[in-house]
Amino acid sequence: MIAFFRGVLNALSGIIAEISDQNAYRRHLAAHGTVHSPDEWRRFQDEHAAANSRRARCC
């Protein structure tokens, strides 16, 4: 029973990390070979915002 709840908590934390862009930021750091810093976070946010604005929106 405890293992079940741990699994649920792990799944929820993974979902929250994905929604809050934490996983995307980790992938960004890995892809660019950098470590976390305020400047790198700003660069990630700028790239993320630019990518979102280029996507076509329907309706």
N, C-alpha and C. Protein backbone atom coordinates (compact mmCIF):
# COMPACT_ATOMS: atom_id res chain seq x y z
N MET A 1 0.82 -1.19 0.00
CA MET A 1 0.00 0.00 0.00
C MET A 1 0.87 1.26 0.00
N ILE A 2 1.93 1.24 0.79
CA ILE A 2 2.83 2.39 0.83
C ILE A 2 3.52 2.57 -0.51
N ALA A 3 3.89 1.47 -1.15
CA ALA A 3 4.53 1.56 -2.46
C ALA A 3 3.59 2.19 -3.48
N PHE A 4 2.32 1.89 -3.38
CA PHE A 4 1.33 2.48 -4.28
C PHE A 4 1.31 3.99 -4.12
N PHE A 5 1.24 4.47 -2.87
CA PHE A 5 1.19 5.91 -2.62
C PHE A 5 2.49 6.60 -3.04
N ARG A 6 3.61 5.93 -2.87
CA ARG A 6 4.87 6.50 -3.35
C ARG A 6 4.85 6.63 -4.87
N GLY A 7 4.31 5.62 -5.53
CA GLY A 7 4.20 5.68 -6.99
C GLY A 7 3.31 6.82 -7.45
N VAL A 8 2.20 7.01 -6.74
CA VAL A 8 1.29 8.10 -7.08
C VAL A 8 1.98 9.45 -6.84
N LEU A 9 2.68 9.59 -5.73
CA LEU A 9 3.39 10.84 -5.45
C LEU A 9 4.48 11.11 -6.48
N ASN A 10 5.19 10.07 -6.89
CA ASN A 10 6.22 10.25 -7.92
C ASN A 10 5.60 10.69 -9.24
N ALA A 11 4.47 10.10 -9.58
CA ALA A 11 3.80 10.48 -10.82
C ALA A 11 3.31 11.91 -10.76
N LEU A 12 2.72 12.30 -9.64
CA LEU A 12 2.25 13.68 -9.48
C LEU A 12 3.39 14.68 -9.52
N SER A 13 4.50 14.35 -8.88
CA SER A 13 5.64 15.28 -8.91
C SER A 13 6.20 15.40 -10.32
N GLY A 14 6.18 14.32 -11.08
CA GLY A 14 6.63 14.38 -12.46
C GLY A 14 5.72 15.24 -13.32
N ILE A 15 4.41 15.13 -13.08
CA ILE A 15 3.45 15.95 -13.82
C ILE A 15 3.64 17.42 -13.48
N ILE A 16 3.80 17.72 -12.22
CA ILE A 16 3.99 19.10 -11.79
C ILE A 16 5.29 19.67 -12.37
N ALA A 17 6.34 18.87 -12.38
CA ALA A 17 7.62 19.33 -12.95
C ALA A 17 7.47 19.64 -14.44
N GLU A 18 6.69 18.84 -15.14
CA GLU A 18 6.49 19.05 -16.58
C GLU A 18 5.65 20.30 -16.81
N ILE A 19 4.61 20.48 -16.04
CA ILE A 19 3.73 21.64 -16.21
C ILE A 19 4.48 22.93 -15.89
N SER A 20 5.32 22.91 -14.89
CA SER A 20 6.01 24.13 -14.47
C SER A 20 7.31 24.37 -15.25
N ASP A 21 7.55 23.66 -16.31
CA ASP A 21 8.72 23.82 -17.18
C ASP A 21 10.04 23.42 -16.54
N GLN A 22 10.03 22.77 -15.39
CA GLN A 22 11.27 22.34 -14.77
C GLN A 22 11.97 21.29 -15.62
N ASN A 23 11.21 20.35 -16.18
CA ASN A 23 11.82 19.33 -17.02
C ASN A 23 12.37 19.94 -18.31
N ALA A 24 11.64 20.88 -18.88
CA ALA A 24 12.12 21.54 -20.10
C ALA A 24 13.41 22.31 -19.82
N TYR A 25 13.48 22.93 -18.66
CA TYR A 25 14.69 23.67 -18.30
C TYR A 25 15.87 22.72 -18.11
N ARG A 26 15.62 21.57 -17.48
CA ARG A 26 16.69 20.57 -17.33
C ARG A 26 17.18 20.08 -18.69
N ARG A 27 16.25 19.87 -19.62
CA ARG A 27 16.63 19.45 -20.97
C ARG A 27 17.42 20.57 -21.66
N HIS A 28 17.03 21.80 -21.46
CA HIS A 28 17.74 22.96 -22.02
C HIS A 28 19.18 23.00 -21.51
N LEU A 29 19.33 22.82 -20.19
CA LEU A 29 20.68 22.84 -19.61
C LEU A 29 21.53 21.71 -20.19
N ALA A 30 20.95 20.53 -20.31
CA ALA A 30 21.70 19.40 -20.85
C ALA A 30 22.06 19.62 -22.32
N ALA A 31 21.13 20.16 -23.09
CA ALA A 31 21.38 20.38 -24.52
C ALA A 31 22.46 21.43 -24.76
N HIS A 32 22.52 22.43 -23.89
CA HIS A 32 23.50 23.49 -24.06
C HIS A 32 24.77 23.23 -23.25
N GLY A 33 24.78 22.18 -22.45
CA GLY A 33 25.96 21.86 -21.65
C GLY A 33 26.30 22.92 -20.62
N THR A 34 25.27 23.49 -20.00
CA THR A 34 25.48 24.54 -19.01
C THR A 34 24.90 24.13 -17.67
N VAL A 35 25.12 24.96 -16.68
CA VAL A 35 24.56 24.74 -15.35
C VAL A 35 23.58 25.87 -15.05
N HIS A 36 22.77 25.67 -14.03
CA HIS A 36 21.77 26.65 -13.66
C HIS A 36 22.40 27.97 -13.23
N SER A 37 21.86 29.05 -13.74
CA SER A 37 22.25 30.39 -13.32
C SER A 37 21.10 31.32 -13.69
N PRO A 38 21.03 32.48 -13.08
CA PRO A 38 19.97 33.43 -13.46
C PRO A 38 20.02 33.81 -14.94
N ASP A 39 21.22 33.97 -15.48
CA ASP A 39 21.34 34.31 -16.90
C ASP A 39 20.85 33.17 -17.80
N GLU A 40 21.16 31.95 -17.40
CA GLU A 40 20.73 30.80 -18.20
C GLU A 40 19.22 30.63 -18.12
N TRP A 41 18.64 30.88 -16.95
CA TRP A 41 17.19 30.81 -16.81
C TRP A 41 16.53 31.85 -17.72
N ARG A 42 17.09 33.06 -17.75
CA ARG A 42 16.56 34.11 -18.62
C ARG A 42 16.66 33.71 -20.08
N ARG A 43 17.78 33.11 -20.47
CA ARG A 43 17.95 32.65 -21.85
C ARG A 43 16.91 31.58 -22.19
N PHE A 44 16.69 30.65 -21.27
CA PHE A 44 15.68 29.61 -21.47
C PHE A 44 14.30 30.24 -21.64
N GLN A 45 13.95 31.18 -20.77
CA GLN A 45 12.64 31.82 -20.84
C GLN A 45 12.46 32.57 -22.15
N ASP A 46 13.51 33.26 -22.60
CA ASP A 46 13.43 33.99 -23.87
C ASP A 46 13.22 33.03 -25.03
N GLU A 47 13.98 31.93 -25.07
CA GLU A 47 13.82 30.94 -26.14
C GLU A 47 12.45 30.29 -26.09
N HIS A 48 11.98 29.99 -24.89
CA HIS A 48 10.68 29.35 -24.72
C HIS A 48 9.55 30.28 -25.18
N ALA A 49 9.63 31.56 -24.82
CA ALA A 49 8.61 32.53 -25.23
C ALA A 49 8.63 32.73 -26.74
N ALA A 50 9.82 32.78 -27.32
CA ALA A 50 9.93 32.96 -28.77
C ALA A 50 9.34 31.76 -29.51
N ALA A 51 9.59 30.57 -29.01
CA ALA A 51 9.04 29.37 -29.64
C ALA A 51 7.52 29.35 -29.54
N ASN A 52 6.99 29.76 -28.41
CA ASN A 52 5.54 29.79 -28.24
C ASN A 52 4.88 30.82 -29.14
N SER A 53 5.53 31.95 -29.36
CA SER A 53 4.93 32.98 -30.20
C SER A 53 4.98 32.61 -31.68
N ARG A 54 5.91 31.75 -32.07
CA ARG A 54 6.01 31.33 -33.48
C ARG A 54 5.00 30.25 -33.84
N ARG A 55 4.49 29.53 -32.85
CA ARG A 55 3.55 28.45 -33.14
C ARG A 55 2.22 29.00 -33.65
N ALA A 56 1.71 28.35 -34.67
CA ALA A 56 0.41 28.77 -35.20
C ALA A 56 -0.68 28.38 -34.21
N ARG A 57 -1.62 29.29 -34.06
CA ARG A 57 -2.74 29.02 -33.17
C ARG A 57 -3.99 28.80 -34.00
N CYS A 58 -4.74 27.89 -33.55
CA CYS A 58 -5.99 27.59 -34.25
C CYS A 58 -7.15 28.26 -33.50
N CYS A 59 -7.99 28.88 -34.23
CA CYS A 59 -9.24 29.47 -33.72
C CYS A 59 -8.94 30.57 -32.78
